[in-house]
Amino acid sequence: MSSRPLRTWVTGTAVILGGVATLNLASSVTLKTLQFVSEKKRKKIALPCRACRGKGFYICKLCNGNATIAWSPMYDPIAVNPCVCPTCEGNRVQRCLNCLGKGYD
C-alpha cells in the first residue's frame, strides 16, 4: 500500500523537474536568438572601430609583434631571458580593448 503514494510523489517530482528543465532550455535558446539578431542589426549600422580599424585585433603593444619579451628577475640583470609575451601569449596580436574584438564601436 505504501508504494502507490511514493510512486505518485516520484512521478510528480519528475514532471516538475522536467518542466523546469524544458522552460530553462526554451528561455536560453530564445535569449541567445534575440541577442544574435540584435547584434547583427547593430553590426549593420555601427561604425568600424577607430582603434583597430574594424579588424577586432591589432599588433601586441607589449612585445611589438615579436611574441617574446626580455625579462630578468633582478633589477640590474646579468642575463636577460626571452619569455613568451604575457599579453598576447605568443600570438603576436591582441584583442582590441576598445571594441572587445567585435570590430565596431
N, C-alpha and C. Protein backbone atom coordinates (compact mmCIF):
# COMPACT_ATOMS: atom_id res chain seq x y z
N MET A 1 0.80 -1.20 0.00
CA MET A 1 0.00 0.00 0.00
C MET A 1 0.84 1.27 0.00
N SER A 2 2.04 1.22 0.54
CA SER A 2 2.84 2.43 0.66
C SER A 2 3.56 2.78 -0.64
N SER A 3 3.59 1.86 -1.61
CA SER A 3 4.31 2.16 -2.85
C SER A 3 3.51 3.12 -3.76
N ARG A 4 2.18 3.12 -3.66
CA ARG A 4 1.38 4.00 -4.52
C ARG A 4 1.61 5.48 -4.20
N PRO A 5 1.58 5.93 -2.93
CA PRO A 5 1.88 7.34 -2.66
C PRO A 5 3.31 7.72 -3.04
N LEU A 6 4.24 6.79 -2.85
CA LEU A 6 5.63 7.06 -3.22
C LEU A 6 5.76 7.22 -4.73
N ARG A 7 5.08 6.36 -5.49
CA ARG A 7 5.12 6.44 -6.94
C ARG A 7 4.51 7.75 -7.42
N THR A 8 3.43 8.18 -6.81
CA THR A 8 2.79 9.44 -7.16
C THR A 8 3.72 10.62 -6.88
N TRP A 9 4.38 10.56 -5.75
CA TRP A 9 5.31 11.63 -5.37
C TRP A 9 6.50 11.70 -6.35
N VAL A 10 7.06 10.55 -6.69
CA VAL A 10 8.20 10.50 -7.61
C VAL A 10 7.77 10.97 -9.00
N THR A 11 6.61 10.55 -9.46
CA THR A 11 6.12 10.98 -10.77
C THR A 11 5.89 12.49 -10.81
N GLY A 12 5.27 13.02 -9.76
CA GLY A 12 5.04 14.47 -9.69
C GLY A 12 6.34 15.25 -9.68
N THR A 13 7.32 14.77 -8.92
CA THR A 13 8.62 15.43 -8.88
C THR A 13 9.30 15.40 -10.24
N ALA A 14 9.23 14.26 -10.93
CA ALA A 14 9.84 14.14 -12.26
C ALA A 14 9.17 15.08 -13.26
N VAL A 15 7.85 15.21 -13.18
CA VAL A 15 7.14 16.11 -14.09
C VAL A 15 7.54 17.55 -13.83
N ILE A 16 7.62 17.93 -12.56
CA ILE A 16 8.00 19.31 -12.22
C ILE A 16 9.43 19.61 -12.66
N LEU A 17 10.37 18.71 -12.37
CA LEU A 17 11.77 18.94 -12.77
C LEU A 17 11.92 18.95 -14.29
N GLY A 18 11.18 18.08 -14.97
CA GLY A 18 11.22 18.09 -16.44
C GLY A 18 10.67 19.38 -17.01
N GLY A 19 9.61 19.91 -16.40
CA GLY A 19 9.06 21.18 -16.84
C GLY A 19 10.02 22.33 -16.63
N VAL A 20 10.68 22.33 -15.47
CA VAL A 20 11.65 23.38 -15.18
C VAL A 20 12.82 23.31 -16.16
N ALA A 21 13.30 22.10 -16.45
CA ALA A 21 14.41 21.95 -17.40
C ALA A 21 13.99 22.40 -18.80
N THR A 22 12.77 22.06 -19.19
CA THR A 22 12.27 22.48 -20.52
C THR A 22 12.14 23.99 -20.61
N LEU A 23 11.59 24.62 -19.59
CA LEU A 23 11.48 26.08 -19.59
C LEU A 23 12.85 26.74 -19.61
N ASN A 24 13.80 26.19 -18.88
CA ASN A 24 15.15 26.74 -18.85
C ASN A 24 15.78 26.67 -20.24
N LEU A 25 15.66 25.53 -20.89
CA LEU A 25 16.22 25.37 -22.23
C LEU A 25 15.55 26.31 -23.23
N ALA A 26 14.23 26.39 -23.17
CA ALA A 26 13.50 27.26 -24.10
C ALA A 26 13.88 28.73 -23.90
N SER A 27 14.00 29.16 -22.66
CA SER A 27 14.36 30.57 -22.42
C SER A 27 15.80 30.85 -22.84
N SER A 28 16.69 29.89 -22.64
CA SER A 28 18.09 30.08 -23.05
C SER A 28 18.19 30.23 -24.56
N VAL A 29 17.51 29.37 -25.29
CA VAL A 29 17.53 29.43 -26.75
C VAL A 29 16.93 30.73 -27.24
N THR A 30 15.83 31.16 -26.63
CA THR A 30 15.18 32.41 -27.04
C THR A 30 16.09 33.60 -26.80
N LEU A 31 16.74 33.66 -25.63
CA LEU A 31 17.63 34.78 -25.33
C LEU A 31 18.83 34.81 -26.27
N LYS A 32 19.41 33.66 -26.56
CA LYS A 32 20.55 33.61 -27.48
C LYS A 32 20.13 34.07 -28.88
N THR A 33 18.95 33.67 -29.32
CA THR A 33 18.47 34.08 -30.64
C THR A 33 18.24 35.58 -30.70
N LEU A 34 17.59 36.13 -29.67
CA LEU A 34 17.35 37.57 -29.64
C LEU A 34 18.65 38.35 -29.58
N GLN A 35 19.63 37.85 -28.82
CA GLN A 35 20.92 38.53 -28.72
C GLN A 35 21.63 38.50 -30.07
N PHE A 36 21.56 37.37 -30.77
CA PHE A 36 22.20 37.25 -32.08
C PHE A 36 21.57 38.21 -33.08
N VAL A 37 20.25 38.30 -33.07
CA VAL A 37 19.55 39.18 -34.01
C VAL A 37 19.89 40.64 -33.73
N SER A 38 19.87 41.04 -32.45
CA SER A 38 20.17 42.44 -32.13
C SER A 38 21.63 42.77 -32.43
N GLU A 39 22.53 41.82 -32.21
CA GLU A 39 23.95 42.04 -32.52
C GLU A 39 24.15 42.19 -34.02
N LYS A 40 23.41 41.41 -34.80
CA LYS A 40 23.52 41.50 -36.26
C LYS A 40 23.04 42.86 -36.76
N LYS A 41 21.93 43.37 -36.18
CA LYS A 41 21.42 44.69 -36.56
C LYS A 41 22.41 45.78 -36.17
N ARG A 42 22.98 45.65 -34.98
CA ARG A 42 23.94 46.65 -34.50
C ARG A 42 25.17 46.69 -35.40
N LYS A 43 25.65 45.52 -35.81
CA LYS A 43 26.83 45.46 -36.65
C LYS A 43 26.57 46.09 -38.02
N LYS A 44 25.33 45.97 -38.48
CA LYS A 44 24.98 46.50 -39.80
C LYS A 44 25.07 48.03 -39.84
N ILE A 45 24.69 48.71 -38.75
CA ILE A 45 24.64 50.17 -38.76
C ILE A 45 25.79 50.82 -38.00
N ALA A 46 26.61 50.04 -37.31
CA ALA A 46 27.69 50.61 -36.49
C ALA A 46 28.88 51.05 -37.35
N LEU A 47 29.61 51.98 -36.81
CA LEU A 47 30.84 52.44 -37.45
C LEU A 47 31.98 51.51 -37.08
N PRO A 48 32.97 51.34 -37.97
CA PRO A 48 34.11 50.50 -37.61
C PRO A 48 34.90 51.11 -36.45
N CYS A 49 35.51 50.27 -35.67
CA CYS A 49 36.30 50.73 -34.53
C CYS A 49 37.48 51.57 -35.02
N ARG A 50 37.71 52.67 -34.34
CA ARG A 50 38.82 53.55 -34.75
C ARG A 50 40.17 53.00 -34.31
N ALA A 51 40.22 52.26 -33.22
CA ALA A 51 41.50 51.77 -32.71
C ALA A 51 42.07 50.64 -33.57
N CYS A 52 41.23 49.69 -33.98
CA CYS A 52 41.71 48.54 -34.74
C CYS A 52 41.31 48.60 -36.20
N ARG A 53 40.62 49.66 -36.60
CA ARG A 53 40.15 49.86 -37.98
C ARG A 53 39.21 48.75 -38.44
N GLY A 54 38.40 48.25 -37.51
CA GLY A 54 37.38 47.26 -37.85
C GLY A 54 37.85 45.83 -37.88
N LYS A 55 39.10 45.55 -37.55
CA LYS A 55 39.61 44.19 -37.59
C LYS A 55 39.30 43.40 -36.32
N GLY A 56 39.21 44.07 -35.19
CA GLY A 56 38.95 43.39 -33.93
C GLY A 56 40.22 43.04 -33.16
N PHE A 57 41.37 43.22 -33.77
CA PHE A 57 42.65 42.96 -33.11
C PHE A 57 43.71 43.87 -33.70
N TYR A 58 44.83 43.99 -33.00
CA TYR A 58 45.96 44.75 -33.51
C TYR A 58 47.25 44.15 -32.98
N ILE A 59 48.37 44.59 -33.51
CA ILE A 59 49.67 44.07 -33.10
C ILE A 59 49.87 44.34 -31.62
N CYS A 60 50.39 43.36 -30.91
CA CYS A 60 50.58 43.46 -29.47
C CYS A 60 51.46 44.65 -29.14
N LYS A 61 51.01 45.45 -28.19
CA LYS A 61 51.76 46.66 -27.82
C LYS A 61 52.90 46.38 -26.87
N LEU A 62 52.86 45.25 -26.16
CA LEU A 62 53.93 44.94 -25.22
C LEU A 62 55.16 44.38 -25.93
N CYS A 63 54.96 43.42 -26.82
CA CYS A 63 56.10 42.79 -27.50
C CYS A 63 56.31 43.32 -28.91
N ASN A 64 55.46 44.22 -29.37
CA ASN A 64 55.52 44.78 -30.72
C ASN A 64 55.48 43.71 -31.80
N GLY A 65 54.74 42.64 -31.55
CA GLY A 65 54.58 41.59 -32.54
C GLY A 65 55.70 40.58 -32.59
N ASN A 66 56.62 40.57 -31.61
CA ASN A 66 57.73 39.63 -31.60
C ASN A 66 57.41 38.32 -30.88
N ALA A 67 56.33 38.27 -30.12
CA ALA A 67 55.87 37.10 -29.37
C ALA A 67 56.70 36.83 -28.12
N THR A 68 57.83 37.52 -27.94
CA THR A 68 58.64 37.34 -26.73
C THR A 68 59.03 38.71 -26.17
N ILE A 69 59.31 38.72 -24.87
CA ILE A 69 59.81 39.92 -24.22
C ILE A 69 61.09 39.58 -23.48
N ALA A 70 61.93 40.58 -23.26
CA ALA A 70 63.15 40.38 -22.49
C ALA A 70 62.80 40.53 -21.02
N TRP A 71 63.17 39.52 -20.20
CA TRP A 71 62.80 39.52 -18.80
C TRP A 71 63.97 39.06 -17.95
N SER A 72 64.13 39.71 -16.81
CA SER A 72 65.14 39.31 -15.86
C SER A 72 64.56 39.47 -14.46
N PRO A 73 64.81 38.52 -13.57
CA PRO A 73 64.23 38.60 -12.23
C PRO A 73 64.91 39.65 -11.34
N MET A 74 66.05 40.16 -11.74
CA MET A 74 66.78 41.12 -10.92
C MET A 74 66.71 42.51 -11.52
N TYR A 75 66.91 43.54 -10.67
CA TYR A 75 66.86 44.92 -11.14
C TYR A 75 68.00 45.20 -12.10
N ASP A 76 69.20 44.83 -11.75
CA ASP A 76 70.38 45.02 -12.61
C ASP A 76 70.74 43.65 -13.17
N PRO A 77 70.20 43.32 -14.33
CA PRO A 77 70.34 41.94 -14.81
C PRO A 77 71.74 41.59 -15.29
N ILE A 78 72.11 40.38 -14.99
CA ILE A 78 73.34 39.82 -15.54
C ILE A 78 73.01 39.13 -16.87
N ALA A 79 71.90 38.43 -16.86
CA ALA A 79 71.43 37.75 -18.07
C ALA A 79 69.95 38.07 -18.26
N VAL A 80 69.59 38.33 -19.49
CA VAL A 80 68.20 38.62 -19.81
C VAL A 80 67.64 37.43 -20.56
N ASN A 81 66.51 36.92 -20.09
CA ASN A 81 65.90 35.75 -20.70
C ASN A 81 64.72 36.16 -21.58
N PRO A 82 64.61 35.59 -22.77
CA PRO A 82 63.40 35.84 -23.56
C PRO A 82 62.26 34.98 -23.01
N CYS A 83 61.11 35.59 -22.83
CA CYS A 83 59.93 34.88 -22.33
C CYS A 83 58.76 35.14 -23.27
N VAL A 84 57.81 34.23 -23.26
CA VAL A 84 56.60 34.41 -24.06
C VAL A 84 55.85 35.62 -23.53
N CYS A 85 55.37 36.45 -24.43
CA CYS A 85 54.66 37.66 -24.05
C CYS A 85 53.39 37.32 -23.28
N PRO A 86 53.21 37.88 -22.07
CA PRO A 86 52.00 37.55 -21.29
C PRO A 86 50.73 38.22 -21.82
N THR A 87 50.86 39.24 -22.62
CA THR A 87 49.68 39.93 -23.14
C THR A 87 49.06 39.18 -24.30
N CYS A 88 49.86 38.80 -25.27
CA CYS A 88 49.33 38.11 -26.46
C CYS A 88 49.55 36.61 -26.42
N GLU A 89 50.25 36.11 -25.41
CA GLU A 89 50.56 34.69 -25.24
C GLU A 89 51.26 34.10 -26.46
N GLY A 90 52.10 34.89 -27.09
CA GLY A 90 52.87 34.41 -28.23
C GLY A 90 52.15 34.47 -29.55
N ASN A 91 50.93 35.01 -29.59
CA ASN A 91 50.16 35.07 -30.84
C ASN A 91 50.49 36.30 -31.68
N ARG A 92 51.25 37.23 -31.15
CA ARG A 92 51.70 38.44 -31.81
C ARG A 92 50.61 39.49 -32.02
N VAL A 93 49.38 39.16 -31.79
CA VAL A 93 48.28 40.12 -31.86
C VAL A 93 47.47 40.03 -30.57
N GLN A 94 46.78 41.11 -30.25
CA GLN A 94 45.92 41.10 -29.08
C GLN A 94 44.55 41.63 -29.47
N ARG A 95 43.55 41.22 -28.73
CA ARG A 95 42.18 41.67 -29.00
C ARG A 95 42.07 43.15 -28.71
N CYS A 96 41.35 43.85 -29.55
CA CYS A 96 41.16 45.29 -29.37
C CYS A 96 40.38 45.53 -28.09
N LEU A 97 40.91 46.37 -27.23
CA LEU A 97 40.26 46.68 -25.96
C LEU A 97 39.18 47.74 -26.13
N ASN A 98 39.17 48.43 -27.24
CA ASN A 98 38.15 49.44 -27.48
C ASN A 98 36.82 48.80 -27.87
N CYS A 99 36.86 47.85 -28.78
CA CYS A 99 35.62 47.22 -29.26
C CYS A 99 35.47 45.79 -28.75
N LEU A 100 36.39 45.32 -27.95
CA LEU A 100 36.39 43.96 -27.39
C LEU A 100 36.41 42.88 -28.47
N GLY A 101 37.08 43.19 -29.57
CA GLY A 101 37.25 42.22 -30.63
C GLY A 101 36.10 42.12 -31.62
N LYS A 102 35.10 42.97 -31.51
CA LYS A 102 33.95 42.90 -32.42
C LYS A 102 34.22 43.61 -33.74
N GLY A 103 35.06 44.63 -33.73
CA GLY A 103 35.39 45.34 -34.95
C GLY A 103 34.58 46.60 -35.16
N TYR A 104 33.65 46.88 -34.29
CA TYR A 104 32.85 48.10 -34.41
C TYR A 104 32.57 48.65 -33.03
N ASP A 105 32.28 49.97 -32.98
CA ASP A 105 32.01 50.63 -31.71
C ASP A 105 30.60 50.41 -31.25
